N, C-alpha and C. Protein backbone atom coordinates (compact mmCIF):
# COMPACT_ATOMS: atom_id res chain seq x y z
N MET A 1 79.97 124.89 114.09
CA MET A 1 80.04 124.39 115.01
C MET A 1 79.72 125.41 116.22
N LEU A 2 80.50 126.56 116.43
CA LEU A 2 80.54 127.25 117.68
C LEU A 2 78.84 128.20 117.44
N ALA A 3 78.49 128.02 116.36
CA ALA A 3 77.26 129.10 116.47
C ALA A 3 76.31 127.89 117.13
N GLY A 4 76.09 126.70 116.84
CA GLY A 4 75.01 125.98 117.47
C GLY A 4 75.80 125.45 118.78
N MET A 5 76.46 125.68 119.27
CA MET A 5 76.90 125.84 120.55
C MET A 5 76.23 126.87 121.81
N GLY A 6 76.45 128.27 120.68
CA GLY A 6 75.88 129.35 121.49
C GLY A 6 74.17 129.00 121.41
N ILE A 7 73.48 128.83 120.29
CA ILE A 7 72.47 128.22 120.54
C ILE A 7 71.90 127.43 121.49
N GLU A 8 72.55 126.51 121.78
CA GLU A 8 72.36 125.51 122.59
C GLU A 8 72.48 125.85 124.14
N VAL A 9 73.46 126.73 124.24
CA VAL A 9 73.42 127.52 125.71
C VAL A 9 72.38 128.50 125.77
N MET A 10 71.89 129.37 124.72
CA MET A 10 71.02 130.06 124.90
C MET A 10 69.39 129.05 125.27
N LEU A 11 69.10 127.81 124.68
CA LEU A 11 68.19 127.51 124.81
C LEU A 11 68.36 126.74 125.86
N LYS A 12 69.02 126.23 126.08
CA LYS A 12 69.22 125.50 127.85
C LYS A 12 68.94 126.50 128.88
N ALA A 13 69.19 127.82 128.86
CA ALA A 13 68.67 128.99 129.55
C ALA A 13 67.50 129.03 129.86
N LEU A 14 66.87 129.24 128.92
CA LEU A 14 65.29 129.39 128.84
C LEU A 14 64.40 128.06 129.53
N ILE A 15 65.33 126.85 129.35
CA ILE A 15 65.00 125.71 129.91
C ILE A 15 64.85 125.68 131.20
N LEU A 16 66.14 126.43 131.88
CA LEU A 16 66.59 127.01 133.46
C LEU A 16 66.11 127.83 133.98
N GLU A 17 65.21 128.60 133.24
CA GLU A 17 64.96 129.81 133.99
C GLU A 17 63.75 129.33 134.89
N ASN A 18 62.77 128.35 134.61
CA ASN A 18 61.94 128.26 135.48
C ASN A 18 62.26 127.22 136.83
N THR A 19 61.83 127.65 137.79
CA THR A 19 62.83 126.92 139.01
C THR A 19 62.61 125.34 139.33
N ASP A 20 61.08 125.24 139.17
CA ASP A 20 60.51 123.62 138.92
C ASP A 20 61.61 122.59 138.02
N THR A 21 61.46 123.53 136.77
CA THR A 21 62.14 122.48 135.65
C THR A 21 63.83 122.55 135.92
N ARG A 22 64.49 123.56 136.38
CA ARG A 22 65.47 124.08 136.56
C ARG A 22 65.83 122.48 137.94
N HIS A 23 65.18 122.31 138.70
CA HIS A 23 65.60 121.42 139.67
C HIS A 23 65.06 119.83 139.18
N LEU A 24 64.00 119.74 138.03
CA LEU A 24 64.01 118.39 137.55
C LEU A 24 65.37 118.13 136.42
N VAL A 25 65.91 119.24 135.91
CA VAL A 25 66.75 118.63 134.91
C VAL A 25 68.44 118.61 135.65
N LEU A 26 68.57 119.64 136.64
CA LEU A 26 69.78 119.42 137.01
C LEU A 26 69.43 118.26 138.22
N ARG A 27 68.67 117.57 138.38
CA ARG A 27 68.41 116.27 139.24
C ARG A 27 68.65 116.57 140.76
N PHE A 28 67.74 117.87 141.07
CA PHE A 28 67.62 117.55 142.41
C PHE A 28 66.24 116.88 143.01
N ARG A 29 65.44 116.72 141.92
CA ARG A 29 64.43 115.92 141.97
C ARG A 29 64.32 114.99 140.92
N GLU A 30 63.36 113.76 140.91
CA GLU A 30 63.08 112.90 139.94
C GLU A 30 62.48 112.98 139.25
N PRO A 31 62.13 112.69 137.99
CA PRO A 31 61.02 112.89 137.16
C PRO A 31 59.27 112.08 137.78
N THR A 32 58.15 112.51 137.65
CA THR A 32 57.03 111.73 137.89
C THR A 32 56.42 111.20 136.84
N THR A 33 56.64 111.94 135.53
CA THR A 33 56.07 111.41 134.51
C THR A 33 57.16 111.21 133.24
N GLU A 34 56.62 110.72 132.17
CA GLU A 34 56.45 110.36 130.97
C GLU A 34 57.66 111.77 130.42
N ALA A 35 56.58 112.59 130.60
CA ALA A 35 57.13 114.30 130.02
C ALA A 35 58.03 114.80 130.64
N GLU A 36 58.19 114.61 131.90
CA GLU A 36 59.30 115.06 132.80
C GLU A 36 60.50 114.30 132.27
N LEU A 37 60.53 112.91 132.02
CA LEU A 37 61.78 112.39 131.73
C LEU A 37 62.02 112.57 130.60
N SER A 38 61.51 112.97 129.62
CA SER A 38 61.68 113.13 128.43
C SER A 38 62.52 115.10 128.66
N LEU A 39 61.75 115.88 129.15
CA LEU A 39 62.34 117.02 129.35
C LEU A 39 64.07 117.19 129.74
N ARG A 40 64.32 116.14 130.55
CA ARG A 40 65.35 116.13 131.01
C ARG A 40 66.42 115.12 130.20
N ASN A 41 65.85 114.33 129.49
CA ASN A 41 66.71 113.94 128.30
C ASN A 41 67.02 115.17 127.15
N THR A 42 65.91 115.92 126.67
CA THR A 42 66.24 116.67 125.66
C THR A 42 67.33 117.72 126.46
N PHE A 43 67.14 117.85 127.78
CA PHE A 43 68.00 119.04 128.15
C PHE A 43 69.52 118.68 128.30
N ASN A 44 69.42 116.89 128.18
CA ASN A 44 71.18 116.64 128.32
C ASN A 44 71.57 116.03 126.51
N SER A 45 70.85 116.52 125.78
CA SER A 45 70.87 116.19 124.36
C SER A 45 71.65 117.65 123.91
N HIS A 46 72.07 117.39 122.48
CA HIS A 46 72.35 118.67 121.72
C HIS A 46 71.52 119.02 120.61
N ASP A 47 69.70 118.20 120.86
CA ASP A 47 69.33 118.52 119.90
C ASP A 47 68.75 119.92 119.70
N LEU A 48 69.39 120.80 118.94
CA LEU A 48 68.35 122.08 119.19
C LEU A 48 67.15 122.19 118.95
N VAL A 49 66.22 121.43 118.10
CA VAL A 49 65.42 121.69 117.27
C VAL A 49 64.57 121.20 118.80
N ALA A 50 64.96 120.14 119.46
CA ALA A 50 64.27 119.56 120.54
C ALA A 50 64.10 120.32 121.58
N LEU A 51 65.37 121.12 121.81
CA LEU A 51 65.80 122.16 122.64
C LEU A 51 64.67 123.34 122.51
N ALA A 52 65.00 123.85 121.71
CA ALA A 52 63.99 124.97 121.13
C ALA A 52 62.45 124.65 121.41
N ALA A 53 61.90 123.57 121.48
CA ALA A 53 60.33 123.17 121.26
C ALA A 53 60.11 122.86 123.11
N ALA A 54 61.36 122.50 123.79
CA ALA A 54 61.17 122.27 124.91
C ALA A 54 60.84 123.92 125.60
N GLY A 55 61.90 124.63 125.10
CA GLY A 55 61.86 126.27 125.68
C GLY A 55 61.10 127.25 125.29
N GLY A 56 60.03 126.30 124.24
CA GLY A 56 58.98 127.32 123.96
C GLY A 56 59.63 128.65 122.48
N VAL A 57 60.83 128.03 121.81
CA VAL A 57 60.96 128.74 121.17
C VAL A 57 60.63 128.13 119.53
N ALA A 58 59.39 128.73 118.60
CA ALA A 58 59.35 128.30 117.52
C ALA A 58 60.12 128.56 116.30
N PHE A 59 60.51 127.44 115.73
CA PHE A 59 61.52 127.47 114.69
C PHE A 59 60.58 127.27 113.56
N SER A 60 60.75 128.26 112.03
CA SER A 60 60.51 127.74 110.81
C SER A 60 61.26 126.85 110.37
N SER A 61 60.70 126.09 108.99
CA SER A 61 61.30 125.05 108.49
C SER A 61 62.43 125.19 108.10
N GLN A 62 62.73 126.47 107.80
CA GLN A 62 64.46 126.65 107.43
C GLN A 62 64.99 126.69 108.39
N HIS A 63 65.05 127.34 109.83
CA HIS A 63 65.07 127.25 111.26
C HIS A 63 65.56 126.13 111.55
N THR A 64 64.72 124.35 111.16
CA THR A 64 64.79 123.82 111.76
C THR A 64 65.78 122.98 110.74
N GLU A 65 65.79 123.03 109.50
CA GLU A 65 66.69 122.44 109.06
C GLU A 65 68.42 123.10 109.25
N VAL A 66 68.62 124.11 109.23
CA VAL A 66 69.63 124.94 109.72
C VAL A 66 70.03 124.20 111.27
N ALA A 67 69.10 123.85 112.25
CA ALA A 67 69.15 123.84 113.38
C ALA A 67 69.58 122.15 113.62
N ASP A 68 69.16 121.43 112.73
CA ASP A 68 69.29 120.36 112.68
C ASP A 68 71.03 119.52 112.34
N ALA A 69 71.51 120.49 110.74
CA ALA A 69 72.57 120.31 110.71
C ALA A 69 73.67 120.67 111.98
N LEU A 70 73.72 122.05 112.40
CA LEU A 70 74.18 122.39 113.67
C LEU A 70 74.21 121.31 115.06
N SER A 71 73.40 120.70 115.05
CA SER A 71 72.95 119.88 116.06
C SER A 71 74.10 118.87 115.80
N ALA A 72 74.23 118.17 114.63
CA ALA A 72 75.06 116.94 114.12
C ALA A 72 76.38 117.58 114.31
N TYR A 73 76.51 119.20 113.65
CA TYR A 73 78.01 119.43 114.07
C TYR A 73 78.55 119.21 115.24
N ILE A 74 78.08 120.03 116.29
CA ILE A 74 77.81 119.67 117.94
C ILE A 74 78.45 118.64 118.23
N TYR A 75 77.40 117.43 117.95
CA TYR A 75 77.51 116.21 118.39
C TYR A 75 78.96 115.65 118.02
N TRP A 76 79.34 115.89 116.52
CA TRP A 76 80.42 114.54 116.14
C TRP A 76 81.68 115.23 115.78
N ARG A 77 81.52 116.54 115.66
CA ARG A 77 82.49 117.26 115.48
C ARG A 77 83.24 118.06 116.62
N ALA A 78 82.72 118.07 117.69
CA ALA A 78 82.79 118.93 119.09
C ALA A 78 83.30 117.93 120.18
N LEU A 79 81.76 117.38 120.37
CA LEU A 79 81.71 116.62 121.48
C LEU A 79 82.72 115.21 121.48
N HIS A 80 82.24 114.13 120.45
CA HIS A 80 81.99 112.81 120.18
C HIS A 80 82.50 112.45 118.69
N MET A 81 84.32 112.23 119.01
CA MET A 81 84.71 111.99 117.73
C MET A 81 84.36 110.53 117.50
N MET A 82 84.59 109.70 118.29
CA MET A 82 83.72 108.32 117.84
C MET A 82 82.50 107.98 118.62
N PRO A 83 81.69 107.60 117.82
CA PRO A 83 80.26 106.74 118.24
C PRO A 83 80.49 106.10 119.32
N SER A 84 79.43 105.70 120.10
CA SER A 84 79.59 104.49 121.06
C SER A 84 78.44 104.24 119.95
N MET A 85 77.96 102.22 120.58
CA MET A 85 77.41 101.67 119.86
C MET A 85 75.27 102.47 120.44
N LYS A 86 75.92 102.64 121.45
CA LYS A 86 74.40 103.59 121.63
C LYS A 86 73.55 104.51 120.67
N ARG A 87 75.03 105.49 120.16
CA ARG A 87 74.82 106.78 119.40
C ARG A 87 75.04 106.51 117.58
N ILE A 88 75.15 105.44 117.09
CA ILE A 88 75.63 104.91 115.99
C ILE A 88 74.87 105.28 114.85
N LYS A 89 73.36 105.02 115.08
CA LYS A 89 72.35 105.93 114.46
C LYS A 89 72.62 107.35 113.86
N ASN A 90 73.15 108.57 115.06
CA ASN A 90 73.32 109.60 114.60
C ASN A 90 74.77 109.95 113.93
N ILE A 91 75.39 108.83 113.20
CA ILE A 91 76.74 109.10 112.68
C ILE A 91 76.19 109.61 110.73
N ILE A 92 75.27 109.37 110.50
CA ILE A 92 74.61 109.49 109.05
C ILE A 92 74.70 111.68 109.19
N PRO A 93 75.52 111.78 108.04
CA PRO A 93 75.08 113.27 108.15
C PRO A 93 74.10 113.55 108.11
N THR A 94 73.78 114.78 108.58
CA THR A 94 72.46 115.79 108.43
C THR A 94 72.70 116.42 106.89
N LYS A 95 71.65 116.24 105.93
CA LYS A 95 72.16 116.69 104.34
C LYS A 95 70.88 118.30 104.69
N TYR A 96 71.57 119.17 103.89
CA TYR A 96 70.96 120.13 104.00
C TYR A 96 70.74 120.62 102.74
N GLY A 97 69.29 120.97 102.47
CA GLY A 97 69.40 121.32 100.60
C GLY A 97 70.16 122.69 100.30
N ASN A 98 71.14 122.93 100.14
CA ASN A 98 71.63 124.12 99.91
C ASN A 98 72.68 124.12 99.26
N GLY A 99 72.91 123.11 98.16
CA GLY A 99 73.85 122.97 96.96
C GLY A 99 73.47 124.06 95.82
N PRO A 100 74.27 124.20 94.80
CA PRO A 100 74.18 125.11 93.70
C PRO A 100 72.73 124.95 93.22
N ASP A 101 72.31 123.60 92.63
CA ASP A 101 71.05 123.11 92.15
C ASP A 101 70.00 123.02 92.90
N GLY A 102 70.27 122.92 94.49
CA GLY A 102 69.15 122.57 95.42
C GLY A 102 69.37 121.18 95.78
N SER A 103 70.59 120.48 95.54
CA SER A 103 70.58 119.17 95.67
C SER A 103 71.39 119.37 97.40
N PRO A 104 71.25 117.99 98.31
CA PRO A 104 71.44 117.96 99.53
C PRO A 104 73.36 118.39 99.81
N GLN A 105 73.26 118.75 100.42
CA GLN A 105 74.86 119.75 101.34
C GLN A 105 75.03 119.32 102.76
N SER A 106 75.98 118.55 103.09
CA SER A 106 76.17 118.50 104.28
C SER A 106 76.90 119.58 105.27
N TYR A 107 76.56 120.88 104.96
CA TYR A 107 77.38 121.81 105.72
C TYR A 107 76.10 122.96 105.65
N VAL A 108 76.29 123.99 106.74
CA VAL A 108 75.52 125.01 106.74
C VAL A 108 76.35 126.29 106.77
N LYS A 109 76.15 127.19 105.31
CA LYS A 109 76.61 128.54 104.95
C LYS A 109 76.74 129.88 106.65
N CYS A 110 77.74 130.17 106.98
CA CYS A 110 77.86 131.33 107.82
C CYS A 110 76.63 131.82 108.31
N GLU A 111 75.85 132.72 106.90
CA GLU A 111 74.83 133.32 107.15
C GLU A 111 73.95 132.50 107.44
N GLN A 112 73.72 131.49 107.36
CA GLN A 112 72.55 130.58 107.70
C GLN A 112 72.36 130.51 109.14
N ALA A 113 73.76 130.25 109.71
CA ALA A 113 73.82 130.25 111.19
C ALA A 113 73.33 131.14 111.84
N ARG A 114 74.39 132.67 110.95
CA ARG A 114 74.41 133.75 112.00
C ARG A 114 72.46 134.51 111.97
N GLU A 115 71.80 133.80 110.44
CA GLU A 115 70.60 134.23 111.15
C GLU A 115 69.94 133.31 112.16
N LEU A 116 70.22 132.25 112.06
CA LEU A 116 69.51 131.39 113.59
C LEU A 116 70.18 132.03 114.40
N VAL A 117 71.18 132.23 114.82
CA VAL A 117 72.15 132.94 116.08
C VAL A 117 70.76 133.92 116.52
N ASP A 118 71.20 135.06 115.37
CA ASP A 118 70.38 136.51 115.65
C ASP A 118 68.85 136.23 115.97
N TYR A 119 68.16 135.16 115.38
CA TYR A 119 66.50 135.28 116.12
C TYR A 119 66.18 134.68 116.96
N VAL A 120 67.35 133.51 117.88
CA VAL A 120 67.28 132.85 118.88
C VAL A 120 67.73 134.04 119.94
N ILE A 121 68.78 134.91 119.86
CA ILE A 121 68.96 136.04 120.60
C ILE A 121 67.49 136.95 120.87
N ALA A 122 66.82 137.04 119.73
CA ALA A 122 65.57 137.95 119.53
C ALA A 122 64.84 137.36 120.31
N VAL A 123 64.38 136.03 120.11
CA VAL A 123 63.57 135.46 121.54
C VAL A 123 64.00 135.07 122.56
N VAL A 124 64.98 135.04 122.87
CA VAL A 124 65.69 134.31 124.35
C VAL A 124 65.97 135.80 125.04
N HIS A 125 66.50 136.75 124.59
CA HIS A 125 66.83 137.93 125.12
C HIS A 125 65.77 139.03 126.12
N PRO A 126 64.57 139.08 125.39
CA PRO A 126 63.30 139.58 126.25
C PRO A 126 62.91 138.56 126.95
N ARG A 127 62.64 137.17 126.89
CA ARG A 127 62.61 136.64 128.13
C ARG A 127 62.94 136.82 129.42
N LEU A 128 64.63 136.57 128.84
CA LEU A 128 65.41 136.35 130.32
C LEU A 128 65.47 137.74 130.93
N TYR A 129 65.71 138.74 130.04
CA TYR A 129 66.32 140.20 130.72
C TYR A 129 64.97 141.04 130.97
N ASN A 130 64.00 141.02 129.96
CA ASN A 130 62.81 142.29 130.51
C ASN A 130 61.76 141.98 131.30
N LYS A 131 62.30 141.11 132.69
CA LYS A 131 61.29 140.75 133.84
C LYS A 131 60.95 141.99 134.51
N ARG A 132 59.73 142.32 134.88
CA ARG A 132 59.58 142.94 135.81
C ARG A 132 59.41 142.59 137.45
């Protein structure tokens, strides 16, 4: 769960890097297109896959599966203990195929979370700190 929250913060930092985008998602200006409204909604979500896409970070299929599971952990175990009617569809646990026989399990191993964290750091750090 904490790995997912760390990834969420890094991805949101990438989105906030651009001044115009920052003004949009922080509500200093209103969206003028459906794409801008979608970006604002994505920024206000805990969907790591959508945040990565909005921040220009490409996930492999394995990264996407781990990010989906971590998104569910962030949403249900940390932030929203009881679902609202609007979010009831998200109550179905995310299944990840890492069981002993390849069967779906609804957990992510620490190594998998660490690999995704390391990958996101490797992508985010140069974009935020290596500017000239």
